[in-house]
Amino acid sequence: KNDLGMSNYPMVPGHEVVGEVVEVGSSVSKFTVGDIVGVGCLVGCCGGCSPCERDLEQYCPKKIWSYNDVYIDGQPTQGGFAKATVVHQKFVVKIPEGMAVEQAAPLLCAGVTVYSPLSHFGLKR
């Protein structure tokens, strides 16, 4: 219903994405083709502003959401229901071997929500 007035249609929302790496860029060092990975609500940022330099990309004025947003090339982000998505490696996590994808996906949202306060209060051991 576009209650917040920021929806870009057509849109199919979807974050908490788990999938297989099918291609990597020349600067990617953390992942290889075939890895099973997860992505939360961010897929990119500017990398140069004050929040980005402090690892607080969620406050980057140029952050790129996994859906209802556009990549720097102007193409729309299509979220977890897309056939493929492009994500900066900073926003990708490797899913542990043996973990079922349906178990991993919810951790990418709820887990992030819980991690932030744990980290803030020094409890991330």
C-alpha atoms as a PDB file:
ATOM      1  CA  LYS A   1       0.000   0.000   0.000  1.00  0.00           C
ATOM      2  CA  ASN A   2       3.052   2.260   0.037  1.00  0.00           C
ATOM      3  CA  ASP A   3       2.208   3.518   3.532  1.00  0.00           C
ATOM      4  CA  LEU A   4       5.684   5.050   3.914  1.00  0.00           C
ATOM      5  CA  GLY A   5       5.586   6.665   0.473  1.00  0.00           C
ATOM      6  CA  MET A   6       8.894   5.203  -0.714  1.00  0.00           C
ATOM      7  CA  SER A   7       7.948   2.107  -2.694  1.00  0.00           C
ATOM      8  CA  ASN A   8       9.201   1.694  -6.247  1.00  0.00           C
ATOM      9  CA  TYR A   9       6.943  -0.525  -8.317  1.00  0.00           C
ATOM     10  CA  PRO A  10       7.017  -3.181  -9.585  1.00  0.00           C
ATOM     11  CA  MET A  11       8.550  -4.578  -6.405  1.00  0.00           C
ATOM     12  CA  VAL A  12       8.760  -7.979  -4.778  1.00  0.00           C
ATOM     13  CA  PRO A  13      10.346  -7.526  -1.348  1.00  0.00           C
ATOM     14  CA  GLY A  14      12.763 -10.110  -0.122  1.00  0.00           C
ATOM     15  CA  HIS A  15      15.793 -10.024   2.110  1.00  0.00           C
ATOM     16  CA  GLU A  16      17.323 -12.743   4.291  1.00  0.00           C
ATOM     17  CA  VAL A  17      18.720 -14.252   1.111  1.00  0.00           C
ATOM     18  CA  VAL A  18      20.660 -17.515   0.981  1.00  0.00           C
ATOM     19  CA  GLY A  19      22.133 -18.743  -2.270  1.00  0.00           C
ATOM     20  CA  GLU A  20      25.136 -19.979  -4.189  1.00  0.00           C
ATOM     21  CA  VAL A  21      27.920 -17.768  -5.508  1.00  0.00           C
ATOM     22  CA  VAL A  22      27.834 -18.110  -9.296  1.00  0.00           C
ATOM     23  CA  GLU A  23      30.356 -15.432 -10.231  1.00  0.00           C
ATOM     24  CA  VAL A  24      32.910 -13.240  -8.458  1.00  0.00           C
ATOM     25  CA  GLY A  25      34.536  -9.975  -9.442  1.00  0.00           C
ATOM     26  CA  SER A  26      38.280  -9.555  -9.838  1.00  0.00           C
ATOM     27  CA  SER A  27      38.595  -7.829  -6.423  1.00  0.00           C
ATOM     28  CA  VAL A  28      36.667 -10.469  -4.482  1.00  0.00           C
ATOM     29  CA  SER A  29      38.871 -12.314  -2.006  1.00  0.00           C
ATOM     30  CA  LYS A  30      36.456 -13.755   0.556  1.00  0.00           C
ATOM     31  CA  PHE A  31      34.330 -16.017  -1.646  1.00  0.00           C
ATOM     32  CA  THR A  32      34.602 -18.428  -4.548  1.00  0.00           C
ATOM     33  CA  VAL A  33      32.136 -19.824  -7.042  1.00  0.00           C
ATOM     34  CA  GLY A  34      30.080 -22.557  -5.402  1.00  0.00           C
ATOM     35  CA  ASP A  35      30.126 -21.097  -1.867  1.00  0.00           C
ATOM     36  CA  ILE A  36      26.761 -21.063  -0.097  1.00  0.00           C
ATOM     37  CA  VAL A  37      26.285 -17.566   1.283  1.00  0.00           C
ATOM     38  CA  GLY A  38      23.801 -15.258   2.909  1.00  0.00           C
ATOM     39  CA  VAL A  39      22.895 -11.609   2.382  1.00  0.00           C
ATOM     40  CA  GLY A  40      20.857  -9.356   4.648  1.00  0.00           C
ATOM     41  CA  CYS A  41      19.183  -6.079   3.820  1.00  0.00           C
ATOM     42  CA  LEU A  42      22.225  -4.209   2.425  1.00  0.00           C
ATOM     43  CA  VAL A  43      24.065  -4.997  -0.804  1.00  0.00           C
ATOM     44  CA  GLY A  44      26.259  -1.916  -1.166  1.00  0.00           C
ATOM     45  CA  CYS A  45      27.401   1.466   0.123  1.00  0.00           C
ATOM     46  CA  CYS A  46      29.685   4.317  -0.933  1.00  0.00           C
ATOM     47  CA  GLY A  47      32.632   3.065   1.135  1.00  0.00           C
ATOM     48  CA  GLY A  48      34.077   6.534   1.668  1.00  0.00           C
ATOM     49  CA  CYS A  49      31.805   8.490   3.988  1.00  0.00           C
ATOM     50  CA  SER A  50      32.264   8.789   7.751  1.00  0.00           C
ATOM     51  CA  PRO A  51      29.793   5.992   8.626  1.00  0.00           C
ATOM     52  CA  CYS A  52      31.372   3.631   6.059  1.00  0.00           C
ATOM     53  CA  GLU A  53      34.857   4.330   7.379  1.00  0.00           C
ATOM     54  CA  ARG A  54      33.616   3.389  10.871  1.00  0.00           C
ATOM     55  CA  ASP A  55      31.912   0.155   9.680  1.00  0.00           C
ATOM     56  CA  LEU A  56      28.482   1.731  10.179  1.00  0.00           C
ATOM     57  CA  GLU A  57      27.298   1.330   6.593  1.00  0.00           C
ATOM     58  CA  GLN A  58      23.657   1.253   7.669  1.00  0.00           C
ATOM     59  CA  TYR A  59      24.031   5.026   8.133  1.00  0.00           C
ATOM     60  CA  CYS A  60      25.676   5.618   4.735  1.00  0.00           C
ATOM     61  CA  PRO A  61      23.621   8.153   2.763  1.00  0.00           C
ATOM     62  CA  LYS A  62      24.318   6.108  -0.393  1.00  0.00           C
ATOM     63  CA  LYS A  63      23.651   2.626   1.015  1.00  0.00           C
ATOM     64  CA  ILE A  64      21.964   0.210  -1.351  1.00  0.00           C
ATOM     65  CA  TRP A  65      19.125  -1.926  -0.009  1.00  0.00           C
ATOM     66  CA  SER A  66      18.644  -5.476  -1.233  1.00  0.00           C
ATOM     67  CA  TYR A  67      15.218  -4.539  -2.651  1.00  0.00           C
ATOM     68  CA  ASN A  68      13.247  -1.402  -3.516  1.00  0.00           C
ATOM     69  CA  ASP A  69      16.455   0.447  -4.408  1.00  0.00           C
ATOM     70  CA  VAL A  70      18.803   0.876  -7.367  1.00  0.00           C
ATOM     71  CA  TYR A  71      22.394  -0.183  -7.965  1.00  0.00           C
ATOM     72  CA  ILE A  72      24.960   2.487  -8.852  1.00  0.00           C
ATOM     73  CA  ASP A  73      24.399   1.626 -12.538  1.00  0.00           C
ATOM     74  CA  GLY A  74      20.701   2.536 -12.204  1.00  0.00           C
ATOM     75  CA  GLN A  75      19.355  -1.020 -12.333  1.00  0.00           C
ATOM     76  CA  PRO A  76      16.760  -1.902  -9.688  1.00  0.00           C
ATOM     77  CA  THR A  77      17.592  -4.212  -6.807  1.00  0.00           C
ATOM     78  CA  GLN A  78      15.165  -7.123  -6.803  1.00  0.00           C
ATOM     79  CA  GLY A  79      15.779  -8.766  -3.429  1.00  0.00           C
ATOM     80  CA  GLY A  80      15.743 -12.436  -2.594  1.00  0.00           C
ATOM     81  CA  PHE A  81      13.192 -13.350  -5.196  1.00  0.00           C
ATOM     82  CA  ALA A  82      15.433 -12.264  -8.077  1.00  0.00           C
ATOM     83  CA  LYS A  83      17.123 -14.849 -10.283  1.00  0.00           C
ATOM     84  CA  ALA A  84      20.453 -13.277  -9.285  1.00  0.00           C
ATOM     85  CA  THR A  85      21.705 -10.333  -7.270  1.00  0.00           C
ATOM     86  CA  VAL A  86      24.935  -8.359  -7.100  1.00  0.00           C
ATOM     87  CA  VAL A  87      26.357  -7.812  -3.627  1.00  0.00           C
ATOM     88  CA  HIS A  88      29.581  -6.260  -2.367  1.00  0.00           C
ATOM     89  CA  GLN A  89      31.532  -8.929  -0.468  1.00  0.00           C
ATOM     90  CA  LYS A  90      31.382  -6.819   2.697  1.00  0.00           C
ATOM     91  CA  PHE A  91      27.670  -7.642   2.942  1.00  0.00           C
ATOM     92  CA  VAL A  92      27.976 -11.384   2.320  1.00  0.00           C
ATOM     93  CA  VAL A  93      28.460 -14.095   4.941  1.00  0.00           C
ATOM     94  CA  LYS A  94      29.419 -17.694   4.355  1.00  0.00           C
ATOM     95  CA  ILE A  95      26.825 -20.174   5.533  1.00  0.00           C
ATOM     96  CA  PRO A  96      28.455 -22.925   7.612  1.00  0.00           C
ATOM     97  CA  GLU A  97      28.666 -26.297   5.920  1.00  0.00           C
ATOM     98  CA  GLY A  98      25.845 -28.550   7.044  1.00  0.00           C
ATOM     99  CA  MET A  99      23.497 -25.720   8.040  1.00  0.00           C
ATOM    100  CA  ALA A 100      20.186 -25.919   6.224  1.00  0.00           C
ATOM    101  CA  VAL A 101      19.410 -22.790   4.221  1.00  0.00           C
ATOM    102  CA  GLU A 102      15.976 -22.499   5.827  1.00  0.00           C
ATOM    103  CA  GLN A 103      17.726 -22.321   9.214  1.00  0.00           C
ATOM    104  CA  ALA A 104      20.301 -19.790   8.042  1.00  0.00           C
ATOM    105  CA  ALA A 105      18.020 -17.274   6.333  1.00  0.00           C
ATOM    106  CA  PRO A 106      16.196 -15.952   9.448  1.00  0.00           C
ATOM    107  CA  LEU A 107      19.530 -15.288  11.165  1.00  0.00           C
ATOM    108  CA  LEU A 108      20.314 -12.695   8.497  1.00  0.00           C
ATOM    109  CA  CYS A 109      17.569 -10.411   9.822  1.00  0.00           C
ATOM    110  CA  ALA A 110      16.870 -11.311  13.431  1.00  0.00           C
ATOM    111  CA  GLY A 111      20.525 -12.184  13.973  1.00  0.00           C
ATOM    112  CA  VAL A 112      21.630  -8.769  12.729  1.00  0.00           C
ATOM    113  CA  THR A 113      19.041  -7.078  14.922  1.00  0.00           C
ATOM    114  CA  VAL A 114      20.401  -8.849  17.991  1.00  0.00           C
ATOM    115  CA  TYR A 115      24.078  -8.480  17.033  1.00  0.00           C
ATOM    116  CA  SER A 116      24.075  -4.674  16.989  1.00  0.00           C
ATOM    117  CA  PRO A 117      23.192  -4.174  20.673  1.00  0.00           C
ATOM    118  CA  LEU A 118      25.429  -7.086  21.724  1.00  0.00           C
ATOM    119  CA  SER A 119      28.313  -5.457  19.878  1.00  0.00           C
ATOM    120  CA  HIS A 120      27.499  -2.006  21.279  1.00  0.00           C
ATOM    121  CA  PHE A 121      27.658  -3.300  24.842  1.00  0.00           C
ATOM    122  CA  GLY A 122      30.830  -5.329  24.281  1.00  0.00           C
ATOM    123  CA  LEU A 123      29.180  -8.741  24.421  1.00  0.00           C
ATOM    124  CA  LYS A 124      30.193 -10.179  21.028  1.00  0.00           C
ATOM    125  CA  ARG A 125      32.559 -12.972  22.145  1.00  0.00           C
END
